Amino acid sequence: MNNKNCGCQQDQCRDGFVPVNGNWDFNMNGGCQRQNRCNTCEAENNCKHSRQADLLAHMRAGRPLRLVGGGEFLIHPIFVDDLALALLDSINKPAAYRQIFCIGGPDVVTNADYFRLLGRLVGCDVQIEEVPLAGYLEANPQYSGHLCHRSYDLSKLRAAGIRMPTVTLEEGLRRQIAWLDAQRA
């Protein structure tokens, strides 16, 4: 599927969409991250989205991560500061008015490589258990937006003169880990 409005390239998708990472999401700063609860959760640690409140503790304990397809799909994470700065920069850019933009950070990685980097940064080896693609979508339709490569063409953003993301994945993860550890201290 190619979304002509924003330039997103999602033509690498399989038969459907499912989270490439089972219960783990590359966005570690979601509602359940901070409070172990959010509006889409029915109860503590029973999230209906793909964020995991205890991800770092899970990894530090040496427990394996279950990744759909073994984490083969590409992701294009962006650090929150870069996203906020791009949004603010777009306010006074006439080329941005009434437009839809895709945005991602400077790095595109596989989901498995994302978690390996995260593991290295928190000082633990990451064990990945593959969750087979077959049957996963049918069993987990709530994750339908994740079973594909999620890498974006940023040329429309650049052409509009909007500030491009600059925080690398490694630096963004370092900052996020420090923030999460400080919250738990």
Protein backbone atom coordinates (compact mmCIF):
# COMPACT_ATOMS: atom_id res chain seq x y z
CA MET A 1 0.00 0.00 0.00
CA ASN A 2 1.38 3.40 -0.90
CA ASN A 3 -0.27 6.30 0.87
CA LYS A 4 -0.12 9.05 -1.75
CA ASN A 5 -1.07 11.76 0.75
CA CYS A 6 2.07 11.50 2.86
CA GLY A 7 4.49 9.50 0.74
CA CYS A 8 4.60 6.52 3.11
CA GLN A 9 5.96 3.44 1.44
CA GLN A 10 4.22 0.38 2.83
CA ASP A 11 4.38 -1.82 -0.22
CA GLN A 12 6.52 -4.39 1.60
CA CYS A 13 3.59 -5.70 3.68
CA ARG A 14 2.64 -9.32 3.86
CA ASP A 15 -0.90 -10.66 3.82
CA GLY A 16 -1.90 -8.39 6.68
CA PHE A 17 -0.54 -6.16 9.39
CA VAL A 18 0.56 -7.30 12.84
CA PRO A 19 3.13 -5.98 15.33
CA VAL A 20 6.54 -7.14 14.27
CA ASN A 21 7.47 -7.38 17.91
CA GLY A 22 4.62 -9.13 19.66
CA ASN A 23 4.06 -7.34 22.94
CA TRP A 24 6.94 -4.89 22.58
CA ASP A 25 6.87 -1.56 20.83
CA PHE A 26 9.74 0.65 19.70
CA ASN A 27 7.97 3.62 21.28
CA MET A 28 9.00 3.16 24.88
CA ASN A 29 7.42 6.38 26.14
CA GLY A 30 3.77 5.39 25.82
CA GLY A 31 0.98 5.74 28.35
CA CYS A 32 1.61 2.41 30.01
CA GLN A 33 5.34 3.12 30.20
CA ARG A 34 4.86 5.94 32.64
CA GLN A 35 1.86 4.79 34.64
CA ASN A 36 1.37 1.07 33.92
CA ARG A 37 -2.08 2.17 32.82
CA CYS A 38 -3.69 4.18 30.07
CA ASN A 39 -7.10 4.68 28.54
CA THR A 40 -6.72 1.66 26.28
CA CYS A 41 -5.78 -0.68 29.15
CA GLU A 42 -8.42 -2.66 30.96
CA ALA A 43 -6.25 -3.26 34.03
CA GLU A 44 -2.69 -2.88 35.30
CA ASN A 45 -0.23 -4.36 32.79
CA ASN A 46 -3.05 -5.55 30.53
CA CYS A 47 -2.46 -3.19 27.64
CA LYS A 48 -4.43 -3.41 24.43
CA HIS A 49 -1.62 -1.83 22.42
CA SER A 50 1.92 -2.99 21.79
CA ARG A 51 3.74 -1.15 24.58
CA GLN A 52 5.22 -3.04 27.50
CA ALA A 53 5.60 -1.31 30.86
CA ASP A 54 8.37 -3.59 32.11
CA LEU A 55 10.39 -3.93 28.90
CA LEU A 56 13.75 -2.91 30.37
CA ALA A 57 13.26 -5.08 33.47
CA HIS A 58 12.22 -7.96 31.21
CA MET A 59 15.38 -7.56 29.12
CA ARG A 60 17.66 -7.04 32.12
CA ALA A 61 16.29 -10.25 33.65
CA GLY A 62 17.49 -12.12 30.56
CA ARG A 63 14.02 -13.16 29.46
CA PRO A 64 13.59 -13.61 25.70
CA LEU A 65 11.69 -11.22 23.49
CA ARG A 66 9.07 -12.82 21.30
CA LEU A 67 9.14 -11.08 17.91
CA VAL A 68 6.72 -11.80 15.12
CA GLY A 69 8.71 -12.97 12.13
CA GLY A 70 11.86 -12.90 14.27
CA GLY A 71 11.98 -9.10 14.08
CA GLU A 72 12.69 -8.99 10.33
CA PHE A 73 10.57 -5.93 9.56
CA LEU A 74 12.03 -2.45 9.28
CA ILE A 75 11.09 0.35 11.64
CA HIS A 76 11.85 4.07 11.43
CA PRO A 77 11.73 5.32 15.03
CA ILE A 78 11.95 8.99 15.90
CA PHE A 79 13.02 10.55 19.18
CA VAL A 80 10.26 12.60 20.80
CA ASP A 81 12.33 15.82 20.81
CA ASP A 82 12.86 15.57 17.04
CA LEU A 83 9.14 15.01 16.50
CA ALA A 84 8.19 17.97 18.68
CA LEU A 85 10.72 20.26 16.97
CA ALA A 86 9.50 19.25 13.52
CA LEU A 87 5.89 19.91 14.53
CA LEU A 88 6.77 23.32 15.94
CA ASP A 89 8.86 24.15 12.87
CA SER A 90 5.93 23.34 10.57
CA ILE A 91 3.68 26.00 12.14
CA ASN A 92 5.13 28.89 10.15
CA LYS A 93 5.88 26.99 6.94
CA PRO A 94 3.26 27.78 4.27
CA ALA A 95 4.28 24.63 2.37
CA ALA A 96 3.16 22.61 5.40
CA TYR A 97 -0.38 24.02 5.61
CA ARG A 98 -3.10 21.40 5.15
CA GLN A 99 -0.50 18.72 4.41
CA ILE A 100 0.08 15.27 5.84
CA PHE A 101 3.69 14.25 6.42
CA CYS A 102 5.39 11.02 7.34
CA ILE A 103 8.30 11.39 9.72
CA GLY A 104 10.95 9.12 11.14
CA GLY A 105 14.36 9.58 12.65
CA PRO A 106 17.68 9.38 10.83
CA ASP A 107 17.98 5.58 11.26
CA VAL A 108 15.99 2.71 9.77
CA VAL A 109 16.61 -0.68 11.41
CA THR A 110 15.00 -4.06 11.73
CA ASN A 111 12.98 -4.61 14.83
CA ALA A 112 15.47 -7.27 15.97
CA ASP A 113 18.41 -4.87 15.53
CA TYR A 114 16.51 -2.23 17.50
CA PHE A 115 16.20 -4.58 20.46
CA ARG A 116 19.80 -5.79 20.14
CA LEU A 117 20.93 -2.15 20.35
CA LEU A 118 18.63 -1.54 23.30
CA GLY A 119 20.05 -4.63 25.00
CA ARG A 120 23.61 -3.45 24.43
CA LEU A 121 22.74 -0.06 25.92
CA VAL A 122 21.25 -1.59 29.07
CA GLY A 123 24.07 -4.13 29.32
CA CYS A 124 22.32 -7.38 28.52
CA ASP A 125 22.26 -9.97 25.78
CA VAL A 126 18.98 -10.10 23.90
CA GLN A 127 17.42 -13.44 23.17
CA ILE A 128 14.85 -13.40 20.40
CA GLU A 129 12.18 -16.04 20.01
CA GLU A 130 10.43 -16.01 16.67
CA VAL A 131 6.65 -15.89 16.65
CA PRO A 132 5.54 -17.38 13.32
CA LEU A 133 3.69 -15.02 11.01
CA ALA A 134 1.17 -17.68 10.03
CA GLY A 135 -2.04 -17.18 11.99
CA TYR A 136 -0.78 -14.23 14.02
CA LEU A 137 -2.98 -11.59 12.37
CA GLU A 138 -6.11 -13.64 12.82
CA ALA A 139 -5.34 -14.15 16.50
CA ASN A 140 -4.27 -10.52 17.11
CA PRO A 141 -6.14 -8.14 14.78
CA GLN A 142 -5.54 -5.22 17.18
CA TYR A 143 -1.92 -5.16 15.98
CA SER A 144 -2.78 -4.96 12.30
CA GLY A 145 -0.66 -1.84 11.63
CA HIS A 146 2.68 -3.47 12.40
CA LEU A 147 3.24 -6.49 10.13
CA CYS A 148 5.15 -4.66 7.45
CA HIS A 149 8.23 -2.59 6.91
CA ARG A 150 7.58 0.86 8.37
CA SER A 151 10.10 3.12 6.71
CA TYR A 152 9.14 6.52 5.38
CA ASP A 153 10.14 8.77 2.54
CA LEU A 154 10.98 12.12 4.15
CA SER A 155 11.41 14.06 0.90
CA LYS A 156 8.04 15.82 1.23
CA LEU A 157 8.99 16.97 4.74
CA ARG A 158 12.36 18.21 3.49
CA ALA A 159 10.78 19.97 0.48
CA ALA A 160 8.43 21.84 2.81
CA GLY A 161 11.46 23.22 4.64
CA ILE A 162 10.62 21.51 7.90
CA ARG A 163 13.43 20.70 10.31
CA MET A 164 14.67 17.16 9.71
CA PRO A 165 15.19 14.77 12.61
CA THR A 166 18.81 14.57 13.79
CA VAL A 167 18.85 12.43 16.96
CA THR A 168 20.24 9.01 16.06
CA LEU A 169 18.50 5.89 17.26
CA GLU A 170 21.36 5.09 19.64
CA GLU A 171 21.39 8.58 21.16
CA GLY A 172 17.58 8.64 21.44
CA LEU A 173 17.57 5.27 23.18
CA ARG A 174 20.31 6.42 25.56
CA ARG A 175 18.22 9.45 26.52
CA GLN A 176 15.04 7.39 26.84
CA ILE A 177 16.72 4.75 29.01
CA ALA A 178 18.14 7.45 31.29
CA TRP A 179 14.69 9.01 31.60
CA LEU A 180 12.97 5.69 32.32
CA ASP A 181 15.61 4.68 34.87
CA ALA A 182 15.27 8.06 36.59
CA GLN A 183 11.47 7.56 36.81
CA ARG A 184 11.94 4.21 38.48
CA ALA A 185 14.59 5.45 40.94
